[in-house]
N, C-alpha and C. Protein backbone atom coordinates (compact mmCIF):
# COMPACT_ATOMS: atom_id res chain seq x y z
N MET A 1 39.71 75.52 -4.99
CA MET A 1 40.10 73.95 -4.96
C MET A 1 38.49 73.00 -4.14
N GLU A 2 37.90 72.27 -5.03
CA GLU A 2 37.05 71.61 -4.64
C GLU A 2 37.44 69.77 -4.13
N ILE A 3 37.02 69.52 -2.95
CA ILE A 3 37.36 68.04 -2.77
C ILE A 3 36.16 67.79 -2.15
N ASN A 4 35.97 66.67 -3.14
CA ASN A 4 34.56 65.83 -2.91
C ASN A 4 34.73 64.39 -2.58
N PRO A 5 34.17 64.31 -1.02
CA PRO A 5 34.49 63.14 -0.44
C PRO A 5 33.54 61.92 -1.05
N ARG A 6 32.61 62.43 -1.64
CA ARG A 6 31.92 60.79 -2.07
C ARG A 6 32.50 60.30 -3.36
N VAL A 7 33.08 59.23 -2.86
CA VAL A 7 33.95 58.41 -4.29
C VAL A 7 32.77 57.45 -4.61
N SER A 8 32.30 57.49 -5.89
CA SER A 8 31.48 56.97 -6.43
C SER A 8 31.55 55.54 -6.43
N THR A 9 32.35 54.85 -6.91
CA THR A 9 33.12 53.36 -7.48
C THR A 9 34.55 53.43 -7.39
N PHE A 10 35.11 52.54 -7.09
CA PHE A 10 36.28 52.10 -6.77
C PHE A 10 36.82 50.36 -6.48
N ILE A 11 37.81 50.40 -6.98
CA ILE A 11 38.20 48.78 -6.78
C ILE A 11 39.36 48.67 -5.62
N TYR A 12 39.46 48.30 -4.30
CA TYR A 12 40.09 48.34 -3.41
C TYR A 12 40.31 46.88 -2.95
N ASP A 13 41.77 46.76 -2.21
CA ASP A 13 41.66 45.27 -1.54
C ASP A 13 42.85 45.72 -0.49
N ASP A 14 43.20 44.84 0.43
CA ASP A 14 43.84 45.20 1.53
C ASP A 14 44.93 45.91 1.49
N ASP A 15 45.92 45.88 0.34
CA ASP A 15 47.01 46.99 0.23
C ASP A 15 47.17 47.55 -1.04
N TYR A 16 45.75 47.92 -1.68
CA TYR A 16 45.69 48.88 -2.66
C TYR A 16 43.94 49.39 -2.49
N CYS A 17 44.27 50.68 -2.41
CA CYS A 17 43.20 51.78 -2.08
C CYS A 17 43.48 53.16 -2.86
N PRO A 18 42.75 53.05 -3.94
CA PRO A 18 43.46 54.30 -4.57
C PRO A 18 43.04 56.08 -4.03
N PRO A 19 41.94 56.05 -3.56
CA PRO A 19 42.07 57.41 -3.14
C PRO A 19 43.22 57.51 -2.26
N TYR A 20 43.24 56.50 -0.92
CA TYR A 20 44.73 56.76 -0.03
C TYR A 20 45.54 56.99 -0.80
N LEU A 21 46.11 56.43 -1.86
CA LEU A 21 47.11 56.30 -2.85
C LEU A 21 47.23 57.95 -3.30
N ALA A 22 46.32 58.70 -3.76
CA ALA A 22 45.99 59.74 -4.52
C ALA A 22 46.17 60.86 -3.55
N LEU A 23 46.02 60.69 -2.24
CA LEU A 23 46.08 61.82 -1.13
C LEU A 23 47.40 61.79 -0.82
N LYS A 24 48.11 60.56 -0.56
CA LYS A 24 49.40 60.68 -0.27
C LYS A 24 50.25 61.33 -1.47
N LEU A 25 49.69 61.23 -2.56
CA LEU A 25 50.65 61.92 -3.43
C LEU A 25 50.54 63.61 -3.83
N ALA A 26 49.07 64.03 -3.16
CA ALA A 26 48.68 65.26 -3.34
C ALA A 26 49.33 66.21 -2.20
N MET A 27 49.59 65.23 -1.13
CA MET A 27 50.21 65.87 -0.09
C MET A 27 51.80 65.74 0.18
N GLY A 28 52.38 65.08 -0.79
CA GLY A 28 53.57 65.24 -1.17
C GLY A 28 54.31 63.91 -0.39
N GLU A 29 53.38 63.19 0.21
CA GLU A 29 54.15 62.29 1.32
C GLU A 29 54.39 60.73 0.48
N MET A 30 53.83 60.64 -0.82
CA MET A 30 54.99 59.86 -1.40
C MET A 30 55.14 60.17 -2.96
N THR A 31 55.81 60.02 -3.62
CA THR A 31 56.08 60.16 -4.95
C THR A 31 55.43 59.25 -6.12
N GLU A 32 55.67 59.96 -7.08
CA GLU A 32 55.17 58.73 -8.35
C GLU A 32 55.93 57.39 -8.35
N THR A 33 56.87 57.42 -8.30
CA THR A 33 57.83 56.13 -8.23
C THR A 33 57.06 55.02 -7.16
N GLU A 34 57.12 55.81 -6.53
CA GLU A 34 56.33 54.89 -4.95
C GLU A 34 55.00 54.40 -5.25
N ILE A 35 54.20 55.38 -5.79
CA ILE A 35 52.76 54.81 -6.23
C ILE A 35 52.83 54.07 -7.29
N GLU A 36 53.79 54.31 -8.04
CA GLU A 36 53.74 52.80 -9.13
C GLU A 36 54.17 51.33 -8.79
N GLY A 37 54.98 51.27 -7.35
CA GLY A 37 55.32 50.12 -6.96
C GLY A 37 54.02 49.80 -6.47
N TYR A 38 52.55 49.98 -6.42
CA TYR A 38 51.62 49.32 -6.22
C TYR A 38 50.91 49.00 -7.22
N GLN A 39 51.41 49.24 -8.44
CA GLN A 39 50.59 48.44 -9.52
C GLN A 39 50.54 47.16 -9.25
N LYS A 40 51.61 46.58 -8.71
CA LYS A 40 51.59 44.93 -8.42
C LYS A 40 50.34 44.45 -7.69
N ASN A 41 50.13 45.49 -6.63
CA ASN A 41 49.08 44.83 -5.97
C ASN A 41 47.28 45.19 -6.51
N VAL A 42 47.48 45.67 -8.08
CA VAL A 42 45.76 45.76 -8.13
C VAL A 42 45.55 44.48 -8.38
N PRO A 43 44.03 44.14 -8.00
CA PRO A 43 43.49 42.98 -7.89
C PRO A 43 42.88 43.07 -8.99
N ILE A 44 43.62 42.43 -9.84
CA ILE A 44 43.08 41.47 -11.30
C ILE A 44 41.98 41.08 -11.02
N GLY A 45 40.70 40.66 -11.46
CA GLY A 45 39.69 39.62 -11.70
C GLY A 45 38.96 40.30 -10.53
N LYS A 46 39.43 40.97 -10.06
CA LYS A 46 38.01 41.68 -8.91
C LYS A 46 36.84 41.98 -9.63
N LYS A 47 35.65 41.97 -9.13
CA LYS A 47 34.58 42.18 -9.61
C LYS A 47 33.90 43.56 -8.97
N MET A 48 33.35 44.20 -9.53
CA MET A 48 32.78 45.75 -9.15
C MET A 48 31.20 45.47 -8.79
N PHE A 49 30.93 45.84 -7.61
CA PHE A 49 29.43 45.95 -7.62
C PHE A 49 29.21 47.17 -6.94
N ARG A 50 28.00 47.84 -7.57
CA ARG A 50 27.56 49.13 -6.90
C ARG A 50 25.98 48.75 -6.77
N TYR A 51 25.96 49.29 -5.17
CA TYR A 51 24.40 49.08 -4.87
C TYR A 51 23.55 50.43 -5.24
N TYR A 52 22.60 50.32 -5.48
CA TYR A 52 21.71 51.68 -5.06
C TYR A 52 20.34 51.51 -4.61
N GLY A 53 21.00 51.86 -3.40
CA GLY A 53 19.80 51.78 -2.32
C GLY A 53 18.80 53.04 -2.02
N GLN A 54 19.07 53.90 -3.16
CA GLN A 54 18.34 55.14 -2.96
C GLN A 54 16.75 54.88 -3.35
N VAL A 55 16.01 55.61 -2.29
CA VAL A 55 14.66 55.27 -2.59
C VAL A 55 13.58 56.98 -3.15
N ASP A 56 13.16 56.99 -3.90
CA ASP A 56 12.41 58.32 -4.17
C ASP A 56 10.90 58.31 -4.10
N TYR A 57 10.70 59.42 -3.21
CA TYR A 57 9.21 59.29 -3.12
C TYR A 57 8.56 60.80 -3.91
């Protein structure tokens, strides 16, 4: 099993962080029903911005 710590892009808020919820589910610390309870916290209307700061030489 590979765990890649580099998360490319996701939307998060004060009480909504998908990677955190995914880890809690994977470790058995939360049930699917508990995770579904966080759907009301999804920040609808929030915009994503992805910054590319890589410089190639």
